[in-house]
Amino acid sequence: MFKLILRSLVLASFAFGLMACNTVKGVGKDIKKAGEKIEETAEKHD
């Protein structure tokens, strides 16, 4: 019984870790796009 609970916790932790990586990656892409827009706006006003 203990091994089953331990396996479930490890699997759940692994799954949450994968989701967190995808979330951080998505945030990185959003920040990159925002930076590109700011850069484009700055170039227009030069």
N, C-alpha and C. Protein backbone atom coordinates (compact mmCIF):
# COMPACT_ATOMS: atom_id res chain seq x y z
N MET A 1 0.83 -1.20 0.00
CA MET A 1 0.00 0.00 0.00
C MET A 1 0.87 1.26 0.00
N PHE A 2 1.92 1.22 0.82
CA PHE A 2 2.82 2.38 0.91
C PHE A 2 3.49 2.65 -0.43
N LYS A 3 3.91 1.58 -1.13
CA LYS A 3 4.57 1.73 -2.43
C LYS A 3 3.61 2.33 -3.46
N LEU A 4 2.36 1.95 -3.39
CA LEU A 4 1.37 2.49 -4.33
C LEU A 4 1.19 3.99 -4.11
N ILE A 5 1.10 4.40 -2.87
CA ILE A 5 0.96 5.82 -2.55
C ILE A 5 2.21 6.58 -2.99
N LEU A 6 3.37 5.99 -2.71
CA LEU A 6 4.63 6.64 -3.08
C LEU A 6 4.73 6.78 -4.59
N ARG A 7 4.39 5.75 -5.33
CA ARG A 7 4.42 5.81 -6.79
C ARG A 7 3.46 6.87 -7.31
N SER A 8 2.30 6.95 -6.71
CA SER A 8 1.31 7.96 -7.14
C SER A 8 1.83 9.37 -6.90
N LEU A 9 2.46 9.58 -5.77
CA LEU A 9 3.01 10.90 -5.46
C LEU A 9 4.15 11.26 -6.40
N VAL A 10 5.00 10.31 -6.70
CA VAL A 10 6.12 10.57 -7.61
C VAL A 10 5.59 10.89 -9.01
N LEU A 11 4.61 10.12 -9.46
CA LEU A 11 4.02 10.35 -10.78
C LEU A 11 3.34 11.72 -10.84
N ALA A 12 2.61 12.07 -9.81
CA ALA A 12 1.94 13.37 -9.76
C ALA A 12 2.96 14.51 -9.75
N SER A 13 4.03 14.36 -9.00
CA SER A 13 5.08 15.38 -8.96
C SER A 13 5.72 15.55 -10.32
N PHE A 14 5.97 14.44 -10.99
CA PHE A 14 6.55 14.48 -12.33
C PHE A 14 5.63 15.20 -13.31
N ALA A 15 4.35 14.89 -13.24
CA ALA A 15 3.37 15.52 -14.13
C ALA A 15 3.29 17.02 -13.88
N PHE A 16 3.26 17.43 -12.61
CA PHE A 16 3.22 18.86 -12.29
C PHE A 16 4.49 19.55 -12.75
N GLY A 17 5.62 18.87 -12.65
CA GLY A 17 6.88 19.43 -13.12
C GLY A 17 6.86 19.69 -14.61
N LEU A 18 6.30 18.76 -15.37
CA LEU A 18 6.20 18.95 -16.82
C LEU A 18 5.29 20.11 -17.16
N MET A 19 4.19 20.23 -16.46
CA MET A 19 3.27 21.34 -16.71
C MET A 19 3.93 22.67 -16.39
N ALA A 20 4.71 22.71 -15.33
CA ALA A 20 5.38 23.96 -14.95
C ALA A 20 6.38 24.37 -16.01
N CYS A 21 7.10 23.40 -16.58
CA CYS A 21 8.06 23.72 -17.65
C CYS A 21 7.35 24.33 -18.84
N ASN A 22 6.23 23.79 -19.22
CA ASN A 22 5.48 24.33 -20.35
C ASN A 22 4.97 25.73 -20.04
N THR A 23 4.56 25.95 -18.81
CA THR A 23 4.06 27.26 -18.42
C THR A 23 5.17 28.30 -18.47
N VAL A 24 6.33 27.96 -17.94
CA VAL A 24 7.46 28.89 -17.94
C VAL A 24 7.89 29.18 -19.38
N LYS A 25 7.89 28.15 -20.21
CA LYS A 25 8.26 28.34 -21.60
C LYS A 25 7.28 29.29 -22.29
N GLY A 26 6.00 29.14 -22.01
CA GLY A 26 4.98 30.02 -22.58
C GLY A 26 5.15 31.45 -22.13
N VAL A 27 5.46 31.64 -20.86
CA VAL A 27 5.68 32.99 -20.34
C VAL A 27 6.89 33.61 -21.01
N GLY A 28 7.92 32.81 -21.22
CA GLY A 28 9.11 33.31 -21.90
C GLY A 28 8.79 33.79 -23.30
N LYS A 29 7.96 33.05 -24.02
CA LYS A 29 7.57 33.45 -25.37
C LYS A 29 6.78 34.75 -25.34
N ASP A 30 5.88 34.89 -24.35
CA ASP A 30 5.08 36.11 -24.23
C ASP A 30 5.97 37.32 -23.96
N ILE A 31 6.95 37.15 -23.08
CA ILE A 31 7.85 38.25 -22.74
C ILE A 31 8.68 38.62 -23.97
N LYS A 32 9.11 37.61 -24.72
CA LYS A 32 9.89 37.87 -25.93
C LYS A 32 9.07 38.68 -26.94
N LYS A 33 7.81 38.29 -27.14
CA LYS A 33 6.95 39.02 -28.08
C LYS A 33 6.72 40.46 -27.62
N ALA A 34 6.53 40.64 -26.32
CA ALA A 34 6.32 41.99 -25.79
C ALA A 34 7.57 42.83 -26.02
N GLY A 35 8.73 42.24 -25.79
CA GLY A 35 9.98 42.96 -26.04
C GLY A 35 10.15 43.35 -27.49
N GLU A 36 9.75 42.45 -28.38
CA GLU A 36 9.84 42.75 -29.82
C GLU A 36 8.93 43.92 -30.18
N LYS A 37 7.73 43.96 -29.62
CA LYS A 37 6.80 45.06 -29.91
C LYS A 37 7.34 46.38 -29.38
N ILE A 38 7.94 46.36 -28.20
CA ILE A 38 8.53 47.58 -27.63
C ILE A 38 9.67 48.05 -28.53
N GLU A 39 10.47 47.10 -28.99
CA GLU A 39 11.59 47.44 -29.87
C GLU A 39 11.09 48.04 -31.18
N GLU A 40 10.04 47.46 -31.76
CA GLU A 40 9.48 48.00 -33.01
C GLU A 40 8.96 49.42 -32.80
N THR A 41 8.28 49.65 -31.67
CA THR A 41 7.75 50.97 -31.38
C THR A 41 8.88 51.97 -31.21
N ALA A 42 9.94 51.57 -30.54
CA ALA A 42 11.08 52.47 -30.34
C ALA A 42 11.73 52.82 -31.67
N GLU A 43 11.82 51.85 -32.57
CA GLU A 43 12.43 52.10 -33.88
C GLU A 43 11.57 53.06 -34.71
N LYS A 44 10.25 52.98 -34.56
CA LYS A 44 9.36 53.89 -35.30
C LYS A 44 9.54 55.32 -34.87
N HIS A 45 9.86 55.55 -33.60
CA HIS A 45 9.98 56.89 -33.05
C HIS A 45 11.39 57.44 -33.11
N ASP A 46 12.27 56.73 -33.77
CA ASP A 46 13.67 57.22 -33.91
C ASP A 46 13.78 58.27 -34.97
